[in-house]
Amino acid sequence: GFAVFVLTAIPFVNLIVMPAAVCGATKLWVE
């Protein structure tokens, strides 16, 4: 959550946070 929090606060980077977070969370779930 902290990693998402930090990058969501960065302009332009935050535009790609949502799909990256979904992918990362799914990897976290699998493992």
Full PDB file with SEQRES, HELIX, SHEET, SSBOND, CRYST1, ORIGX, SCALE, CONECT and MASTER records, all heavy atoms in Angstrom:
SEQRES   1 A   31  GLY PHE ALA VAL PHE VAL LEU THR ALA ILE PRO PHE VAL          
SEQRES   2 A   31  ASN LEU ILE VAL MET PRO ALA ALA VAL CYS GLY ALA THR          
SEQRES   3 A   31  LYS LEU TRP VAL GLU                                          
HELIX    1 AA1 PHE A    2  THR A    8  1                                   7    
HELIX    2 AA2 VAL A   13  ILE A   16  5                                   4    
HELIX    3 AA3 VAL A   17  VAL A   30  1                                  14    
CRYST1    1.000    1.000    1.000  90.00  90.00  90.00 P 1           1          
ORIGX1      1.000000  0.000000  0.000000        0.00000                         
ORIGX2      0.000000  1.000000  0.000000        0.00000                         
ORIGX3      0.000000  0.000000  1.000000        0.00000                         
SCALE1      1.000000  0.000000  0.000000        0.00000                         
SCALE2      0.000000  1.000000  0.000000        0.00000                         
SCALE3      0.000000  0.000000  1.000000        0.00000                         
ATOM      1  N   GLY A   1       0.813  -1.219   0.000  1.00  0.00           N  
ATOM      2  CA  GLY A   1       0.000   0.000   0.000  1.00  0.00           C  
ATOM      3  C   GLY A   1       0.844   1.265   0.000  1.00  0.00           C  
ATOM      4  O   GLY A   1       0.495   2.251  -0.654  1.00  0.00           O  
ATOM      5  N   PHE A   2       1.972   1.243   0.723  1.00  0.00           N  
ATOM      6  CA  PHE A   2       2.834   2.432   0.773  1.00  0.00           C  
ATOM      7  C   PHE A   2       3.450   2.717  -0.589  1.00  0.00           C  
ATOM      8  O   PHE A   2       3.543   3.879  -1.006  1.00  0.00           O  
ATOM      9  CB  PHE A   2       3.939   2.230   1.811  1.00  0.00           C  
ATOM     10  CG  PHE A   2       4.867   3.415   1.930  1.00  0.00           C  
ATOM     11  CD1 PHE A   2       4.436   4.575   2.542  1.00  0.00           C  
ATOM     12  CD2 PHE A   2       6.156   3.360   1.417  1.00  0.00           C  
ATOM     13  CE1 PHE A   2       5.286   5.679   2.637  1.00  0.00           C  
ATOM     14  CE2 PHE A   2       7.006   4.446   1.508  1.00  0.00           C  
ATOM     15  CZ  PHE A   2       6.576   5.610   2.127  1.00  0.00           C  
ATOM     16  N   ALA A   3       3.869   1.668  -1.297  1.00  0.00           N  
ATOM     17  CA  ALA A   3       4.441   1.859  -2.636  1.00  0.00           C  
ATOM     18  C   ALA A   3       3.417   2.467  -3.576  1.00  0.00           C  
ATOM     19  O   ALA A   3       3.729   3.383  -4.350  1.00  0.00           O  
ATOM     20  CB  ALA A   3       4.947   0.525  -3.182  1.00  0.00           C  
ATOM     21  N   VAL A   4       2.179   1.985  -3.508  1.00  0.00           N  
ATOM     22  CA  VAL A   4       1.106   2.556  -4.336  1.00  0.00           C  
ATOM     23  C   VAL A   4       0.867   4.011  -3.938  1.00  0.00           C  
ATOM     24  O   VAL A   4       0.708   4.890  -4.794  1.00  0.00           O  
ATOM     25  CB  VAL A   4      -0.199   1.746  -4.188  1.00  0.00           C  
ATOM     26  CG1 VAL A   4      -1.321   2.379  -5.017  1.00  0.00           C  
ATOM     27  CG2 VAL A   4       0.011   0.298  -4.622  1.00  0.00           C  
ATOM     28  N   PHE A   5       0.853   4.271  -2.648  1.00  0.00           N  
ATOM     29  CA  PHE A   5       0.628   5.620  -2.116  1.00  0.00           C  
ATOM     30  C   PHE A   5       1.647   6.616  -2.667  1.00  0.00           C  
ATOM     31  O   PHE A   5       1.296   7.707  -3.118  1.00  0.00           O  
ATOM     32  CB  PHE A   5       0.696   5.569  -0.596  1.00  0.00           C  
ATOM     33  CG  PHE A   5       0.722   6.913   0.083  1.00  0.00           C  
ATOM     34  CD1 PHE A   5      -0.425   7.664   0.209  1.00  0.00           C  
ATOM     35  CD2 PHE A   5       1.911   7.415   0.606  1.00  0.00           C  
ATOM     36  CE1 PHE A   5      -0.398   8.900   0.831  1.00  0.00           C  
ATOM     37  CE2 PHE A   5       1.947   8.645   1.236  1.00  0.00           C  
ATOM     38  CZ  PHE A   5       0.784   9.395   1.350  1.00  0.00           C  
ATOM     39  N   VAL A   6       2.912   6.229  -2.639  1.00  0.00           N  
ATOM     40  CA  VAL A   6       3.984   7.132  -3.081  1.00  0.00           C  
ATOM     41  C   VAL A   6       3.873   7.415  -4.579  1.00  0.00           C  
ATOM     42  O   VAL A   6       3.930   8.572  -5.006  1.00  0.00           O  
ATOM     43  CB  VAL A   6       5.371   6.532  -2.752  1.00  0.00           C  
ATOM     44  CG1 VAL A   6       6.477   7.361  -3.397  1.00  0.00           C  
ATOM     45  CG2 VAL A   6       5.575   6.479  -1.242  1.00  0.00           C  
ATOM     46  N   LEU A   7       3.695   6.384  -5.377  1.00  0.00           N  
ATOM     47  CA  LEU A   7       3.678   6.594  -6.828  1.00  0.00           C  
ATOM     48  C   LEU A   7       2.383   7.231  -7.314  1.00  0.00           C  
ATOM     49  O   LEU A   7       2.380   7.899  -8.342  1.00  0.00           O  
ATOM     50  CB  LEU A   7       3.929   5.276  -7.574  1.00  0.00           C  
ATOM     51  CG  LEU A   7       5.423   5.017  -7.855  1.00  0.00           C  
ATOM     52  CD1 LEU A   7       6.151   4.650  -6.571  1.00  0.00           C  
ATOM     53  CD2 LEU A   7       5.620   3.934  -8.893  1.00  0.00           C  
ATOM     54  N   THR A   8       1.303   7.053  -6.561  1.00  0.00           N  
ATOM     55  CA  THR A   8       0.055   7.716  -6.932  1.00  0.00           C  
ATOM     56  C   THR A   8       0.171   9.224  -6.766  1.00  0.00           C  
ATOM     57  O   THR A   8      -0.537   9.982  -7.434  1.00  0.00           O  
ATOM     58  CB  THR A   8      -1.115   7.180  -6.072  1.00  0.00           C  
ATOM     59  OG1 THR A   8      -1.248   5.777  -6.284  1.00  0.00           O  
ATOM     60  CG2 THR A   8      -2.439   7.836  -6.452  1.00  0.00           C  
ATOM     61  N   ALA A   9       1.060   9.665  -5.888  1.00  0.00           N  
ATOM     62  CA  ALA A   9       1.246  11.095  -5.648  1.00  0.00           C  
ATOM     63  C   ALA A   9       2.172  11.748  -6.663  1.00  0.00           C  
ATOM     64  O   ALA A   9       2.360  12.963  -6.626  1.00  0.00           O  
ATOM     65  CB  ALA A   9       1.790  11.314  -4.233  1.00  0.00           C  
ATOM     66  N   ILE A  10       2.751  10.967  -7.576  1.00  0.00           N  
ATOM     67  CA  ILE A  10       3.674  11.515  -8.579  1.00  0.00           C  
ATOM     68  C   ILE A  10       2.920  11.759  -9.888  1.00  0.00           C  
ATOM     69  O   ILE A  10       2.405  10.812 -10.491  1.00  0.00           O  
ATOM     70  CB  ILE A  10       4.850  10.556  -8.835  1.00  0.00           C  
ATOM     71  CG1 ILE A  10       5.611  10.292  -7.534  1.00  0.00           C  
ATOM     72  CG2 ILE A  10       5.791  11.128  -9.896  1.00  0.00           C  
ATOM     73  CD1 ILE A  10       6.720   9.276  -7.663  1.00  0.00           C  
ATOM     74  N   PRO A  11       2.811  13.025 -10.324  1.00  0.00           N  
ATOM     75  CA  PRO A  11       2.091  13.315 -11.567  1.00  0.00           C  
ATOM     76  C   PRO A  11       2.631  12.516 -12.749  1.00  0.00           C  
ATOM     77  O   PRO A  11       3.829  12.260 -12.854  1.00  0.00           O  
ATOM     78  CB  PRO A  11       2.340  14.826 -11.762  1.00  0.00           C  
ATOM     79  CG  PRO A  11       2.621  15.335 -10.378  1.00  0.00           C  
ATOM     80  CD  PRO A  11       3.349  14.227  -9.677  1.00  0.00           C  
ATOM     81  N   PHE A  12       1.722  12.108 -13.623  1.00  0.00           N  
ATOM     82  CA  PHE A  12       1.988  11.326 -14.842  1.00  0.00           C  
ATOM     83  C   PHE A  12       2.287   9.856 -14.520  1.00  0.00           C  
ATOM     84  O   PHE A  12       1.740   8.973 -15.163  1.00  0.00           O  
ATOM     85  CB  PHE A  12       3.121  11.944 -15.683  1.00  0.00           C  
ATOM     86  CG  PHE A  12       2.838  13.352 -16.100  1.00  0.00           C  
ATOM     87  CD1 PHE A  12       3.553  14.412 -15.561  1.00  0.00           C  
ATOM     88  CD2 PHE A  12       1.845  13.625 -17.032  1.00  0.00           C  
ATOM     89  CE1 PHE A  12       3.283  15.715 -15.945  1.00  0.00           C  
ATOM     90  CE2 PHE A  12       1.570  14.931 -17.422  1.00  0.00           C  
ATOM     91  CZ  PHE A  12       2.288  15.980 -16.883  1.00  0.00           C  
ATOM     92  N   VAL A  13       3.148   9.612 -13.529  1.00  0.00           N  
ATOM     93  CA  VAL A  13       3.380   8.222 -13.119  1.00  0.00           C  
ATOM     94  C   VAL A  13       2.084   7.616 -12.604  1.00  0.00           C  
ATOM     95  O   VAL A  13       1.787   6.443 -12.844  1.00  0.00           O  
ATOM     96  CB  VAL A  13       4.477   8.141 -12.039  1.00  0.00           C  
ATOM     97  CG1 VAL A  13       4.624   6.712 -11.531  1.00  0.00           C  
ATOM     98  CG2 VAL A  13       5.806   8.638 -12.583  1.00  0.00           C  
ATOM     99  N   ASN A  14       1.274   8.441 -11.895  1.00  0.00           N  
ATOM    100  CA  ASN A  14       0.039   7.928 -11.315  1.00  0.00           C  
ATOM    101  C   ASN A  14      -0.971   7.450 -12.356  1.00  0.00           C  
ATOM    102  O   ASN A  14      -1.907   6.716 -12.039  1.00  0.00           O  
ATOM    103  CB  ASN A  14      -0.610   8.961 -10.375  1.00  0.00           C  
ATOM    104  CG  ASN A  14      -0.836  10.307 -11.050  1.00  0.00           C  
ATOM    105  OD1 ASN A  14      -0.906  10.420 -12.263  1.00  0.00           O  
ATOM    106  ND2 ASN A  14      -0.953  11.332 -10.226  1.00  0.00           N  
ATOM    107  N   LEU A  15      -0.749   7.835 -13.608  1.00  0.00           N  
ATOM    108  CA  LEU A  15      -1.682   7.422 -14.661  1.00  0.00           C  
ATOM    109  C   LEU A  15      -1.573   5.933 -14.972  1.00  0.00           C  
ATOM    110  O   LEU A  15      -2.525   5.330 -15.476  1.00  0.00           O  
ATOM    111  CB  LEU A  15      -1.447   8.244 -15.934  1.00  0.00           C  
ATOM    112  CG  LEU A  15      -1.663   9.756 -15.795  1.00  0.00           C  
ATOM    113  CD1 LEU A  15      -1.356  10.456 -17.118  1.00  0.00           C  
ATOM    114  CD2 LEU A  15      -3.090  10.071 -15.351  1.00  0.00           C  
ATOM    115  N   ILE A  16      -0.422   5.324 -14.679  1.00  0.00           N  
ATOM    116  CA  ILE A  16      -0.250   3.900 -14.969  1.00  0.00           C  
ATOM    117  C   ILE A  16      -0.208   3.058 -13.697  1.00  0.00           C  
ATOM    118  O   ILE A  16       0.062   1.864 -13.746  1.00  0.00           O  
ATOM    119  CB  ILE A  16       1.015   3.631 -15.811  1.00  0.00           C  
ATOM    120  CG1 ILE A  16       2.270   4.099 -15.064  1.00  0.00           C  
ATOM    121  CG2 ILE A  16       0.910   4.284 -17.178  1.00  0.00           C  
ATOM    122  CD1 ILE A  16       3.561   3.703 -15.760  1.00  0.00           C  
ATOM    123  N   VAL A  17      -0.484   3.691 -12.559  1.00  0.00           N  
ATOM    124  CA  VAL A  17      -0.431   2.970 -11.286  1.00  0.00           C  
ATOM    125  C   VAL A  17      -1.510   1.895 -11.211  1.00  0.00           C  
ATOM    126  O   VAL A  17      -1.248   0.784 -10.731  1.00  0.00           O  
ATOM    127  CB  VAL A  17      -0.562   3.952 -10.103  1.00  0.00           C  
ATOM    128  CG1 VAL A  17      -0.951   3.218  -8.821  1.00  0.00           C  
ATOM    129  CG2 VAL A  17       0.757   4.683  -9.884  1.00  0.00           C  
ATOM    130  N   MET A  18      -2.725   2.193 -11.664  1.00  0.00           N  
ATOM    131  CA  MET A  18      -3.839   1.260 -11.487  1.00  0.00           C  
ATOM    132  C   MET A  18      -3.568  -0.113 -12.104  1.00  0.00           C  
ATOM    133  O   MET A  18      -3.626  -1.129 -11.386  1.00  0.00           O  
ATOM    134  CB  MET A  18      -5.147   1.840 -12.029  1.00  0.00           C  
ATOM    135  CG  MET A  18      -6.357   0.923 -11.805  1.00  0.00           C  
ATOM    136  SD  MET A  18      -7.933   1.731 -12.146  1.00  0.00           S  
ATOM    137  CE  MET A  18      -7.843   1.897 -13.935  1.00  0.00           C  
ATOM    138  N   PRO A  19      -3.259  -0.221 -13.403  1.00  0.00           N  
ATOM    139  CA  PRO A  19      -2.999  -1.560 -13.945  1.00  0.00           C  
ATOM    140  C   PRO A  19      -1.764  -2.215 -13.350  1.00  0.00           C  
ATOM    141  O   PRO A  19      -1.732  -3.435 -13.156  1.00  0.00           O  
ATOM    142  CB  PRO A  19      -2.833  -1.312 -15.447  1.00  0.00           C  
ATOM    143  CG  PRO A  19      -2.506   0.131 -15.586  1.00  0.00           C  
ATOM    144  CD  PRO A  19      -3.215   0.811 -14.461  1.00  0.00           C  
ATOM    145  N   ALA A  20      -0.731  -1.423 -13.025  1.00  0.00           N  
ATOM    146  CA  ALA A  20       0.473  -1.993 -12.406  1.00  0.00           C  
ATOM    147  C   ALA A  20       0.150  -2.563 -11.031  1.00  0.00           C  
ATOM    148  O   ALA A  20       0.650  -3.628 -10.645  1.00  0.00           O  
ATOM    149  CB  ALA A  20       1.560  -0.924 -12.296  1.00  0.00           C  
ATOM    150  N   ALA A  21      -0.698  -1.854 -10.274  1.00  0.00           N  
ATOM    151  CA  ALA A  21      -1.073  -2.318  -8.940  1.00  0.00           C  
ATOM    152  C   ALA A  21      -1.902  -3.600  -9.012  1.00  0.00           C  
ATOM    153  O   ALA A  21      -1.752  -4.491  -8.178  1.00  0.00           O  
ATOM    154  CB  ALA A  21      -1.842  -1.231  -8.200  1.00  0.00           C  
ATOM    155  N   VAL A  22      -2.782  -3.701 -10.013  1.00  0.00           N  
ATOM    156  CA  VAL A  22      -3.573  -4.921 -10.193  1.00  0.00           C  
ATOM    157  C   VAL A  22      -2.645  -6.096 -10.485  1.00  0.00           C  
ATOM    158  O   VAL A  22      -2.795  -7.189  -9.904  1.00  0.00           O  
ATOM    159  CB  VAL A  22      -4.600  -4.753 -11.329  1.00  0.00           C  
ATOM    160  CG1 VAL A  22      -5.306  -6.079 -11.619  1.00  0.00           C  
ATOM    161  CG2 VAL A  22      -5.635  -3.688 -10.975  1.00  0.00           C  
ATOM    162  N   CYS A  23      -1.677  -5.880 -11.362  1.00  0.00           N  
ATOM    163  CA  CYS A  23      -0.723  -6.945 -11.698  1.00  0.00           C  
ATOM    164  C   CYS A  23       0.105  -7.346 -10.483  1.00  0.00           C  
ATOM    165  O   CYS A  23       0.290  -8.531 -10.191  1.00  0.00           O  
ATOM    166  CB  CYS A  23       0.203  -6.483 -12.825  1.00  0.00           C  
ATOM    167  SG  CYS A  23      -0.608  -6.226 -14.421  1.00  0.00           S  
ATOM    168  N   GLY A  24       0.622  -6.349  -9.759  1.00  0.00           N  
ATOM    169  CA  GLY A  24       1.447  -6.635  -8.592  1.00  0.00           C  
ATOM    170  C   GLY A  24       0.675  -7.331  -7.490  1.00  0.00           C  
ATOM    171  O   GLY A  24       1.185  -8.253  -6.838  1.00  0.00           O  
ATOM    172  N   ALA A  25      -0.567  -6.900  -7.272  1.00  0.00           N  
ATOM    173  CA  ALA A  25      -1.396  -7.513  -6.237  1.00  0.00           C  
ATOM    174  C   ALA A  25      -1.719  -8.966  -6.586  1.00  0.00           C  
ATOM    175  O   ALA A  25      -1.792  -9.822  -5.696  1.00  0.00           O  
ATOM    176  CB  ALA A  25      -2.686  -6.717  -6.056  1.00  0.00           C  
ATOM    177  N   THR A  26      -1.904  -9.240  -7.861  1.00  0.00           N  
ATOM    178  CA  THR A  26      -2.198 -10.612  -8.284  1.00  0.00           C  
ATOM    179  C   THR A  26      -0.987 -11.510  -8.052  1.00  0.00           C  
ATOM    180  O   THR A  26      -1.126 -12.658  -7.616  1.00  0.00           O  
ATOM    181  CB  THR A  26      -2.616 -10.647  -9.759  1.00  0.00           C  
ATOM    182  OG1 THR A  26      -3.721  -9.751  -9.961  1.00  0.00           O  
ATOM    183  CG2 THR A  26      -3.030 -12.046 -10.176  1.00  0.00           C  
ATOM    184  N   LYS A  27       0.201 -10.991  -8.322  1.00  0.00           N  
ATOM    185  CA  LYS A  27       1.426 -11.753  -8.045  1.00  0.00           C  
ATOM    186  C   LYS A  27       1.555 -12.008  -6.544  1.00  0.00           C  
ATOM    187  O   LYS A  27       1.937 -13.104  -6.110  1.00  0.00           O  
ATOM    188  CB  LYS A  27       2.641 -10.980  -8.558  1.00  0.00           C  
ATOM    189  CG  LYS A  27       3.990 -11.686  -8.337  1.00  0.00           C  
ATOM    190  CD  LYS A  27       5.122 -10.880  -8.954  1.00  0.00           C  
ATOM    191  CE  LYS A  27       6.486 -11.482  -8.621  1.00  0.00           C  
ATOM    192  NZ  LYS A  27       6.661 -12.833  -9.216  1.00  0.00           N  
ATOM    193  N   LEU A  28       1.223 -11.006  -5.750  1.00  0.00           N  
ATOM    194  CA  LEU A  28       1.264 -11.149  -4.297  1.00  0.00           C  
ATOM    195  C   LEU A  28       0.284 -12.238  -3.850  1.00  0.00           C  
ATOM    196  O   LEU A  28       0.602 -13.063  -2.989  1.00  0.00           O  
ATOM    197  CB  LEU A  28       0.917  -9.807  -3.643  1.00  0.00           C  
ATOM    198  CG  LEU A  28       1.129  -9.659  -2.137  1.00  0.00           C  
ATOM    199  CD1 LEU A  28       1.348  -8.185  -1.787  1.00  0.00           C  
ATOM    200  CD2 LEU A  28      -0.040 -10.194  -1.329  1.00  0.00           C  
ATOM    201  N   TRP A  29      -0.916 -12.241  -4.442  1.00  0.00           N  
ATOM    202  CA  TRP A  29      -1.924 -13.266  -4.139  1.00  0.00           C  
ATOM    203  C   TRP A  29      -1.414 -14.671  -4.470  1.00  0.00           C  
ATOM    204  O   TRP A  29      -1.520 -15.587  -3.651  1.00  0.00           O  
ATOM    205  CB  TRP A  29      -3.205 -12.966  -4.898  1.00  0.00           C  
ATOM    206  CG  TRP A  29      -4.004 -14.185  -5.275  1.00  0.00           C  
ATOM    207  CD1 TRP A  29      -3.939 -14.896  -6.437  1.00  0.00           C  
ATOM    208  CD2 TRP A  29      -4.973 -14.867  -4.464  1.00  0.00           C  
ATOM    209  NE1 TRP A  29      -4.802 -15.962  -6.416  1.00  0.00           N  
ATOM    210  CE2 TRP A  29      -5.455 -15.977  -5.213  1.00  0.00           C  
ATOM    211  CE3 TRP A  29      -5.487 -14.653  -3.187  1.00  0.00           C  
ATOM    212  CZ2 TRP A  29      -6.418 -16.853  -4.738  1.00  0.00           C  
ATOM    213  CZ3 TRP A  29      -6.452 -15.529  -2.699  1.00  0.00           C  
ATOM    214  CH2 TRP A  29      -6.902 -16.615  -3.467  1.00  0.00           C  
ATOM    215  N   VAL A  30      -0.858 -14.813  -5.660  1.00  0.00           N  
ATOM    216  CA  VAL A  30      -0.411 -16.130  -6.130  1.00  0.00           C  
ATOM    217  C   VAL A  30       0.652 -16.704  -5.202  1.00  0.00           C  
ATOM    218  O   VAL A  30       0.623 -17.899  -4.862  1.00  0.00           O  
ATOM    219  CB  VAL A  30       0.124 -16.035  -7.575  1.00  0.00           C  
ATOM    220  CG1 VAL A  30       0.870 -17.312  -7.969  1.00  0.00           C  
ATOM    221  CG2 VAL A  30      -1.028 -15.782  -8.543  1.00  0.00           C  
ATOM    222  N   GLU A  31       1.570 -15.867  -4.749  1.00  0.00           N  
ATOM    223  CA  GLU A  31       2.712 -16.363  -3.981  1.00  0.00           C  
ATOM    224  C   GLU A  31       2.477 -16.424  -2.473  1.00  0.00           C  
ATOM    225  O   GLU A  31       3.273 -17.027  -1.753  1.00  0.00           O  
ATOM    226  CB  GLU A  31       3.936 -15.488  -4.282  1.00  0.00           C  
ATOM    227  CG  GLU A  31       4.377 -15.570  -5.738  1.00  0.00           C  
ATOM    228  CD  GLU A  31       5.638 -14.763  -6.050  1.00  0.00           C  
ATOM    229  OE1 GLU A  31       6.212 -14.196  -5.086  1.00  0.00           O  
ATOM    230  OE2 GLU A  31       6.031 -14.700  -7.226  1.00  0.00           O  
TER     231      GLU A  31                                                      
MASTER        0    0    0    3    0    0    0    6  230    1    0    3          
END                                                                             
